[in-house]
Amino acid sequence: MSTASTLVIAHTRATADETPVSLGYDRIRFLAPVYFGDTITVGYRISAIDVAARRSTGDIRITNQDGTLVAVGTHILKWVKNTA
């Protein structure tokens, strides 16, 4: 989850007048075990944007090689204006 959110931040910083700063994760749930040798796929989707509060929320879904959902969570970003 952390790596996916870091990649989202790195991609966004190059094109914006603001810098997203991670405020943390919420509602993390581990739904199934992950074993050594498993291949996991992390999906990250921006699910909400609160312009007034300058925050966005990302839904994170992790599946294993069989397509089984193994974990979910919410990532919260605060958007801070860049200085010159």
PDB file of N, CA and C in Angstrom:
ATOM      1  N   MET A   1       0.833  -1.189   0.000  1.00  0.00           N
ATOM      2  CA  MET A   1       0.000   0.000   0.000  1.00  0.00           C
ATOM      3  C   MET A   1       0.874   1.247   0.000  1.00  0.00           C
ATOM      4  N   SER A   2       1.903   1.215   0.795  1.00  0.00           N
ATOM      5  CA  SER A   2       2.785   2.371   0.901  1.00  0.00           C
ATOM      6  C   SER A   2       3.494   2.658  -0.421  1.00  0.00           C
ATOM      7  N   THR A   3       3.979   1.623  -1.080  1.00  0.00           N
ATOM      8  CA  THR A   3       4.672   1.814  -2.344  1.00  0.00           C
ATOM      9  C   THR A   3       3.732   2.372  -3.404  1.00  0.00           C
ATOM     10  N   ALA A   4       2.520   1.850  -3.474  1.00  0.00           N
ATOM     11  CA  ALA A   4       1.550   2.346  -4.453  1.00  0.00           C
ATOM     12  C   ALA A   4       1.250   3.818  -4.218  1.00  0.00           C
ATOM     13  N   SER A   5       1.050   4.200  -2.972  1.00  0.00           N
ATOM     14  CA  SER A   5       0.751   5.604  -2.688  1.00  0.00           C
ATOM     15  C   SER A   5       1.957   6.496  -2.973  1.00  0.00           C
ATOM     16  N   THR A   6       3.156   6.005  -2.717  1.00  0.00           N
ATOM     17  CA  THR A   6       4.366   6.777  -3.020  1.00  0.00           C
ATOM     18  C   THR A   6       4.500   7.000  -4.520  1.00  0.00           C
ATOM     19  N   LEU A   7       4.191   5.978  -5.318  1.00  0.00           N
ATOM     20  CA  LEU A   7       4.243   6.130  -6.776  1.00  0.00           C
ATOM     21  C   LEU A   7       3.200   7.123  -7.270  1.00  0.00           C
ATOM     22  N   VAL A   8       2.015   7.121  -6.677  1.00  0.00           N
ATOM     23  CA  VAL A   8       0.985   8.089  -7.050  1.00  0.00           C
ATOM     24  C   VAL A   8       1.478   9.500  -6.747  1.00  0.00           C
ATOM     25  N   ILE A   9       2.058   9.698  -5.577  1.00  0.00           N
ATOM     26  CA  ILE A   9       2.575  11.012  -5.183  1.00  0.00           C
ATOM     27  C   ILE A   9       3.698  11.448  -6.127  1.00  0.00           C
ATOM     28  N   ALA A  10       4.629  10.549  -6.423  1.00  0.00           N
ATOM     29  CA  ALA A  10       5.755  10.895  -7.289  1.00  0.00           C
ATOM     30  C   ALA A  10       5.279  11.288  -8.680  1.00  0.00           C
ATOM     31  N   HIS A  11       4.291  10.593  -9.209  1.00  0.00           N
ATOM     32  CA  HIS A  11       3.767  10.902 -10.540  1.00  0.00           C
ATOM     33  C   HIS A  11       3.032  12.246 -10.532  1.00  0.00           C
ATOM     34  N   THR A  12       2.310  12.526  -9.476  1.00  0.00           N
ATOM     35  CA  THR A  12       1.515  13.746  -9.380  1.00  0.00           C
ATOM     36  C   THR A  12       2.390  14.978  -9.196  1.00  0.00           C
ATOM     37  N   ARG A  13       3.451  14.863  -8.428  1.00  0.00           N
ATOM     38  CA  ARG A  13       4.292  16.027  -8.118  1.00  0.00           C
ATOM     39  C   ARG A  13       4.898  16.655  -9.357  1.00  0.00           C
ATOM     40  N   ALA A  14       5.158  15.873 -10.376  1.00  0.00           N
ATOM     41  CA  ALA A  14       5.827  16.412 -11.558  1.00  0.00           C
ATOM     42  C   ALA A  14       4.906  17.287 -12.401  1.00  0.00           C
ATOM     43  N   THR A  15       3.602  17.227 -12.166  1.00  0.00           N
ATOM     44  CA  THR A  15       2.680  17.919 -13.051  1.00  0.00           C
ATOM     45  C   THR A  15       1.753  18.900 -12.331  1.00  0.00           C
ATOM     46  N   ALA A  16       1.935  19.126 -11.055  1.00  0.00           N
ATOM     47  CA  ALA A  16       0.966  19.926 -10.311  1.00  0.00           C
ATOM     48  C   ALA A  16       1.597  21.152  -9.667  1.00  0.00           C
ATOM     49  N   ASP A  17       0.738  22.108  -9.320  1.00  0.00           N
ATOM     50  CA  ASP A  17       1.170  23.277  -8.566  1.00  0.00           C
ATOM     51  C   ASP A  17       1.099  23.013  -7.068  1.00  0.00           C
ATOM     52  N   GLU A  18       0.703  21.806  -6.722  1.00  0.00           N
ATOM     53  CA  GLU A  18       0.578  21.408  -5.319  1.00  0.00           C
ATOM     54  C   GLU A  18       1.332  20.110  -5.107  1.00  0.00           C
ATOM     55  N   THR A  19       1.689  19.856  -3.865  1.00  0.00           N
ATOM     56  CA  THR A  19       2.356  18.617  -3.500  1.00  0.00           C
ATOM     57  C   THR A  19       1.438  17.828  -2.573  1.00  0.00           C
ATOM     58  N   PRO A  20       1.137  16.584  -2.920  1.00  0.00           N
ATOM     59  CA  PRO A  20       0.334  15.769  -2.016  1.00  0.00           C
ATOM     60  C   PRO A  20       1.208  15.228  -0.886  1.00  0.00           C
ATOM     61  N   VAL A  21       0.686  15.292   0.327  1.00  0.00           N
ATOM     62  CA  VAL A  21       1.390  14.799   1.509  1.00  0.00           C
ATOM     63  C   VAL A  21       0.508  13.742   2.153  1.00  0.00           C
ATOM     64  N   SER A  22       1.076  12.590   2.437  1.00  0.00           N
ATOM     65  CA  SER A  22       0.296  11.506   3.019  1.00  0.00           C
ATOM     66  C   SER A  22      -0.097  11.834   4.455  1.00  0.00           C
ATOM     67  N   LEU A  23      -1.389  11.732   4.738  1.00  0.00           N
ATOM     68  CA  LEU A  23      -1.874  11.885   6.109  1.00  0.00           C
ATOM     69  C   LEU A  23      -2.059  10.532   6.784  1.00  0.00           C
ATOM     70  N   GLY A  24      -1.915   9.459   6.013  1.00  0.00           N
ATOM     71  CA  GLY A  24      -1.984   8.125   6.589  1.00  0.00           C
ATOM     72  C   GLY A  24      -3.044   7.251   5.946  1.00  0.00           C
ATOM     73  N   TYR A  25      -3.277   6.121   6.589  1.00  0.00           N
ATOM     74  CA  TYR A  25      -4.182   5.106   6.082  1.00  0.00           C
ATOM     75  C   TYR A  25      -5.318   4.901   7.080  1.00  0.00           C
ATOM     76  N   ASP A  26      -6.465   4.506   6.548  1.00  0.00           N
ATOM     77  CA  ASP A  26      -7.644   4.300   7.382  1.00  0.00           C
ATOM     78  C   ASP A  26      -8.344   3.034   6.899  1.00  0.00           C
ATOM     79  N   ARG A  27      -9.078   2.409   7.766  1.00  0.00           N
ATOM     80  CA  ARG A  27      -9.904   1.243   7.448  1.00  0.00           C
ATOM     81  C   ARG A  27      -9.133   0.146   6.733  1.00  0.00           C
ATOM     82  N   ILE A  28      -7.934  -0.152   7.186  1.00  0.00           N
ATOM     83  CA  ILE A  28      -7.156  -1.239   6.594  1.00  0.00           C
ATOM     84  C   ILE A  28      -7.726  -2.558   7.113  1.00  0.00           C
ATOM     85  N   ARG A  29      -8.014  -3.460   6.178  1.00  0.00           N
ATOM     86  CA  ARG A  29      -8.562  -4.774   6.531  1.00  0.00           C
ATOM     87  C   ARG A  29      -7.777  -5.838   5.788  1.00  0.00           C
ATOM     88  N   PHE A  30      -7.327  -6.851   6.533  1.00  0.00           N
ATOM     89  CA  PHE A  30      -6.658  -7.999   5.948  1.00  0.00           C
ATOM     90  C   PHE A  30      -7.711  -9.103   5.835  1.00  0.00           C
ATOM     91  N   LEU A  31      -8.054  -9.478   4.619  1.00  0.00           N
ATOM     92  CA  LEU A  31      -9.187 -10.349   4.368  1.00  0.00           C
ATOM     93  C   LEU A  31      -8.819 -11.806   4.144  1.00  0.00           C
ATOM     94  N   ALA A  32      -7.597 -12.054   3.716  1.00  0.00           N
ATOM     95  CA  ALA A  32      -7.144 -13.418   3.446  1.00  0.00           C
ATOM     96  C   ALA A  32      -5.632 -13.459   3.619  1.00  0.00           C
ATOM     97  N   PRO A  33      -5.084 -14.646   3.904  1.00  0.00           N
ATOM     98  CA  PRO A  33      -3.631 -14.735   4.100  1.00  0.00           C
ATOM     99  C   PRO A  33      -2.866 -14.577   2.789  1.00  0.00           C
ATOM    100  N   VAL A  34      -1.626 -14.105   2.920  1.00  0.00           N
ATOM    101  CA  VAL A  34      -0.682 -14.033   1.811  1.00  0.00           C
ATOM    102  C   VAL A  34       0.509 -14.896   2.209  1.00  0.00           C
ATOM    103  N   TYR A  35       0.900 -15.798   1.314  1.00  0.00           N
ATOM    104  CA  TYR A  35       1.964 -16.749   1.611  1.00  0.00           C
ATOM    105  C   TYR A  35       3.226 -16.411   0.839  1.00  0.00           C
ATOM    106  N   PHE A  36       4.381 -16.893   1.325  1.00  0.00           N
ATOM    107  CA  PHE A  36       5.628 -16.750   0.584  1.00  0.00           C
ATOM    108  C   PHE A  36       5.430 -17.354  -0.796  1.00  0.00           C
ATOM    109  N   GLY A  37       5.882 -16.649  -1.817  1.00  0.00           N
ATOM    110  CA  GLY A  37       5.737 -17.120  -3.184  1.00  0.00           C
ATOM    111  C   GLY A  37       4.495 -16.586  -3.885  1.00  0.00           C
ATOM    112  N   ASP A  38       3.558 -16.013  -3.125  1.00  0.00           N
ATOM    113  CA  ASP A  38       2.375 -15.407  -3.746  1.00  0.00           C
ATOM    114  C   ASP A  38       2.788 -14.168  -4.523  1.00  0.00           C
ATOM    115  N   THR A  39       2.029 -13.873  -5.558  1.00  0.00           N
ATOM    116  CA  THR A  39       2.190 -12.643  -6.318  1.00  0.00           C
ATOM    117  C   THR A  39       0.990 -11.771  -5.999  1.00  0.00           C
ATOM    118  N   ILE A  40       1.257 -10.558  -5.530  1.00  0.00           N
ATOM    119  CA  ILE A  40       0.143  -9.666  -5.196  1.00  0.00           C
ATOM    120  C   ILE A  40       0.126  -8.483  -6.158  1.00  0.00           C
ATOM    121  N   THR A  41      -1.076  -7.985  -6.379  1.00  0.00           N
ATOM    122  CA  THR A  41      -1.285  -6.825  -7.238  1.00  0.00           C
ATOM    123  C   THR A  41      -2.013  -5.769  -6.423  1.00  0.00           C
ATOM    124  N   VAL A  42      -1.486  -4.547  -6.460  1.00  0.00           N
ATOM    125  CA  VAL A  42      -2.076  -3.447  -5.705  1.00  0.00           C
ATOM    126  C   VAL A  42      -2.772  -2.505  -6.672  1.00  0.00           C
ATOM    127  N   GLY A  43      -4.043  -2.242  -6.410  1.00  0.00           N
ATOM    128  CA  GLY A  43      -4.798  -1.263  -7.191  1.00  0.00           C
ATOM    129  C   GLY A  43      -5.046  -0.023  -6.346  1.00  0.00           C
ATOM    130  N   TYR A  44      -4.819   1.146  -6.921  1.00  0.00           N
ATOM    131  CA  TYR A  44      -4.988   2.421  -6.205  1.00  0.00           C
ATOM    132  C   TYR A  44      -5.885   3.300  -7.056  1.00  0.00           C
ATOM    133  N   ARG A  45      -7.014   3.724  -6.498  1.00  0.00           N
ATOM    134  CA  ARG A  45      -7.971   4.550  -7.243  1.00  0.00           C
ATOM    135  C   ARG A  45      -8.382   5.735  -6.385  1.00  0.00           C
ATOM    136  N   ILE A  46      -8.263   6.946  -6.923  1.00  0.00           N
ATOM    137  CA  ILE A  46      -8.750   8.135  -6.212  1.00  0.00           C
ATOM    138  C   ILE A  46     -10.268   8.037  -6.167  1.00  0.00           C
ATOM    139  N   SER A  47     -10.827   8.016  -4.969  1.00  0.00           N
ATOM    140  CA  SER A  47     -12.264   7.800  -4.824  1.00  0.00           C
ATOM    141  C   SER A  47     -13.022   9.062  -4.431  1.00  0.00           C
ATOM    142  N   ALA A  48     -12.324  10.041  -3.854  1.00  0.00           N
ATOM    143  CA  ALA A  48     -13.002  11.272  -3.441  1.00  0.00           C
ATOM    144  C   ALA A  48     -12.004  12.421  -3.409  1.00  0.00           C
ATOM    145  N   ILE A  49     -12.519  13.603  -3.730  1.00  0.00           N
ATOM    146  CA  ILE A  49     -11.718  14.821  -3.657  1.00  0.00           C
ATOM    147  C   ILE A  49     -12.532  15.861  -2.909  1.00  0.00           C
ATOM    148  N   ASP A  50     -11.954  16.390  -1.831  1.00  0.00           N
ATOM    149  CA  ASP A  50     -12.597  17.455  -1.058  1.00  0.00           C
ATOM    150  C   ASP A  50     -11.796  18.732  -1.308  1.00  0.00           C
ATOM    151  N   VAL A  51     -12.273  19.539  -2.232  1.00  0.00           N
ATOM    152  CA  VAL A  51     -11.545  20.745  -2.645  1.00  0.00           C
ATOM    153  C   VAL A  51     -11.414  21.720  -1.482  1.00  0.00           C
ATOM    154  N   ALA A  52     -12.469  21.906  -0.704  1.00  0.00           N
ATOM    155  CA  ALA A  52     -12.444  22.869   0.407  1.00  0.00           C
ATOM    156  C   ALA A  52     -11.404  22.484   1.459  1.00  0.00           C
ATOM    157  N   ALA A  53     -11.303  21.203   1.767  1.00  0.00           N
ATOM    158  CA  ALA A  53     -10.347  20.735   2.777  1.00  0.00           C
ATOM    159  C   ALA A  53      -8.980  20.423   2.170  1.00  0.00           C
ATOM    160  N   ARG A  54      -8.886  20.495   0.833  1.00  0.00           N
ATOM    161  CA  ARG A  54      -7.645  20.199   0.109  1.00  0.00           C
ATOM    162  C   ARG A  54      -7.157  18.785   0.417  1.00  0.00           C
ATOM    163  N   ARG A  55      -8.102  17.836   0.367  1.00  0.00           N
ATOM    164  CA  ARG A  55      -7.773  16.435   0.640  1.00  0.00           C
ATOM    165  C   ARG A  55      -8.343  15.550  -0.452  1.00  0.00           C
ATOM    166  N   SER A  56      -7.658  14.425  -0.655  1.00  0.00           N
ATOM    167  CA  SER A  56      -8.200  13.399  -1.536  1.00  0.00           C
ATOM    168  C   SER A  56      -8.075  12.057  -0.825  1.00  0.00           C
ATOM    169  N   THR A  57      -8.923  11.142  -1.234  1.00  0.00           N
ATOM    170  CA  THR A  57      -8.957   9.812  -0.636  1.00  0.00           C
ATOM    171  C   THR A  57      -8.752   8.784  -1.734  1.00  0.00           C
ATOM    172  N   GLY A  58      -7.883   7.826  -1.476  1.00  0.00           N
ATOM    173  CA  GLY A  58      -7.635   6.753  -2.431  1.00  0.00           C
ATOM    174  C   GLY A  58      -8.061   5.414  -1.855  1.00  0.00           C
ATOM    175  N   ASP A  59      -8.770   4.634  -2.663  1.00  0.00           N
ATOM    176  CA  ASP A  59      -9.128   3.270  -2.267  1.00  0.00           C
ATOM    177  C   ASP A  59      -8.039   2.331  -2.750  1.00  0.00           C
ATOM    178  N   ILE A  60      -7.575   1.476  -1.854  1.00  0.00           N
ATOM    179  CA  ILE A  60      -6.524   0.519  -2.183  1.00  0.00           C
ATOM    180  C   ILE A  60      -7.101  -0.887  -2.069  1.00  0.00           C
ATOM    181  N   ARG A  61      -6.884  -1.701  -3.117  1.00  0.00           N
ATOM    182  CA  ARG A  61      -7.350  -3.089  -3.139  1.00  0.00           C
ATOM    183  C   ARG A  61      -6.173  -3.967  -3.545  1.00  0.00           C
ATOM    184  N   ILE A  62      -5.921  -5.004  -2.768  1.00  0.00           N
ATOM    185  CA  ILE A  62      -4.808  -5.906  -3.038  1.00  0.00           C
ATOM    186  C   ILE A  62      -5.362  -7.307  -3.295  1.00  0.00           C
ATOM    187  N   THR A  63      -4.962  -7.881  -4.425  1.00  0.00           N
ATOM    188  CA  THR A  63      -5.380  -9.233  -4.767  1.00  0.00           C
ATOM    189  C   THR A  63      -4.156 -10.125  -4.944  1.00  0.00           C
ATOM    190  N   ASN A  64      -4.368 -11.433  -4.789  1.00  0.00           N
ATOM    191  CA  ASN A  64      -3.270 -12.368  -5.044  1.00  0.00           C
ATOM    192  C   ASN A  64      -3.366 -12.898  -6.470  1.00  0.00           C
ATOM    193  N   GLN A  65      -2.496 -13.830  -6.809  1.00  0.00           N
ATOM    194  CA  GLN A  65      -2.414 -14.349  -8.171  1.00  0.00           C
ATOM    195  C   GLN A  65      -3.694 -15.066  -8.620  1.00  0.00           C
ATOM    196  N   ASP A  66      -4.535 -15.475  -7.681  1.00  0.00           N
ATOM    197  CA  ASP A  66      -5.790 -16.141  -8.021  1.00  0.00           C
ATOM    198  C   ASP A  66      -6.951 -15.154  -8.138  1.00  0.00           C
ATOM    199  N   GLY A  67      -6.665 -13.866  -7.913  1.00  0.00           N
ATOM    200  CA  GLY A  67      -7.710 -12.857  -7.959  1.00  0.00           C
ATOM    201  C   GLY A  67      -8.466 -12.708  -6.646  1.00  0.00           C
ATOM    202  N   THR A  68      -7.999 -13.381  -5.602  1.00  0.00           N
ATOM    203  CA  THR A  68      -8.627 -13.280  -4.284  1.00  0.00           C
ATOM    204  C   THR A  68      -8.257 -11.952  -3.641  1.00  0.00           C
ATOM    205  N   LEU A  69      -9.255 -11.235  -3.164  1.00  0.00           N
ATOM    206  CA  LEU A  69      -9.016  -9.973  -2.470  1.00  0.00           C
ATOM    207  C   LEU A  69      -8.427 -10.283  -1.097  1.00  0.00           C
ATOM    208  N   VAL A  70      -7.190  -9.823  -0.842  1.00  0.00           N
ATOM    209  CA  VAL A  70      -6.510 -10.158   0.408  1.00  0.00           C
ATOM    210  C   VAL A  70      -6.425  -8.995   1.384  1.00  0.00           C
ATOM    211  N   ALA A  71      -6.542  -7.752   0.889  1.00  0.00           N
ATOM    212  CA  ALA A  71      -6.486  -6.596   1.777  1.00  0.00           C
ATOM    213  C   ALA A  71      -7.120  -5.384   1.086  1.00  0.00           C
ATOM    214  N   VAL A  72      -7.664  -4.498   1.900  1.00  0.00           N
ATOM    215  CA  VAL A  72      -8.228  -3.238   1.409  1.00  0.00           C
ATOM    216  C   VAL A  72      -7.848  -2.130   2.389  1.00  0.00           C
ATOM    217  N   GLY A  73      -7.881  -0.915   1.920  1.00  0.00           N
ATOM    218  CA  GLY A  73      -7.594   0.217   2.801  1.00  0.00           C
ATOM    219  C   GLY A  73      -7.928   1.528   2.118  1.00  0.00           C
ATOM    220  N   THR A  74      -7.843   2.594   2.874  1.00  0.00           N
ATOM    221  CA  THR A  74      -8.078   3.941   2.380  1.00  0.00           C
ATOM    222  C   THR A  74      -6.852   4.788   2.683  1.00  0.00           C
ATOM    223  N   HIS A  75      -6.393   5.542   1.687  1.00  0.00           N
ATOM    224  CA  HIS A  75      -5.237   6.413   1.856  1.00  0.00           C
ATOM    225  C   HIS A  75      -5.711   7.855   1.771  1.00  0.00           C
ATOM    226  N   ILE A  76      -5.256   8.689   2.692  1.00  0.00           N
ATOM    227  CA  ILE A  76      -5.684  10.085   2.745  1.00  0.00           C
ATOM    228  C   ILE A  76      -4.495  10.982   2.406  1.00  0.00           C
ATOM    229  N   LEU A  77      -4.708  11.879   1.445  1.00  0.00           N
ATOM    230  CA  LEU A  77      -3.687  12.832   1.029  1.00  0.00           C
ATOM    231  C   LEU A  77      -4.147  14.250   1.322  1.00  0.00           C
ATOM    232  N   LYS A  78      -3.237  15.070   1.780  1.00  0.00           N
ATOM    233  CA  LYS A  78      -3.454  16.515   1.958  1.00  0.00           C
ATOM    234  C   LYS A  78      -2.653  17.202   0.857  1.00  0.00           C
ATOM    235  N   TRP A  79      -3.290  18.158   0.156  1.00  0.00           N
ATOM    236  CA  TRP A  79      -2.642  18.875  -0.939  1.00  0.00           C
ATOM    237  C   TRP A  79      -2.156  20.230  -0.451  1.00  0.00           C
ATOM    238  N   VAL A  80      -0.847  20.459  -0.585  1.00  0.00           N
ATOM    239  CA  VAL A  80      -0.207  21.678  -0.093  1.00  0.00           C
ATOM    240  C   VAL A  80       0.335  22.451  -1.282  1.00  0.00           C
ATOM    241  N   LYS A  81       0.032  23.746  -1.345  1.00  0.00           N
ATOM    242  CA  LYS A  81       0.525  24.573  -2.460  1.00  0.00           C
ATOM    243  C   LYS A  81       2.057  24.624  -2.441  1.00  0.00           C
ATOM    244  N   ASN A  82       2.654  24.511  -3.636  1.00  0.00           N
ATOM    245  CA  ASN A  82       4.101  24.634  -3.768  1.00  0.00           C
ATOM    246  C   ASN A  82       4.500  26.091  -3.625  1.00  0.00           C
ATOM    247  N   THR A  83       5.668  26.326  -3.068  1.00  0.00           N
ATOM    248  CA  THR A  83       6.200  27.682  -2.982  1.00  0.00           C
ATOM    249  C   THR A  83       7.206  27.880  -4.106  1.00  0.00           C
ATOM    250  N   ALA A  84       7.424  29.104  -4.467  1.00  0.00           N
ATOM    251  CA  ALA A  84       8.327  29.421  -5.580  1.00  0.00           C
ATOM    252  C   ALA A  84       9.715  29.095  -5.286  1.00  0.00           C
TER     253      ALA A  84
END
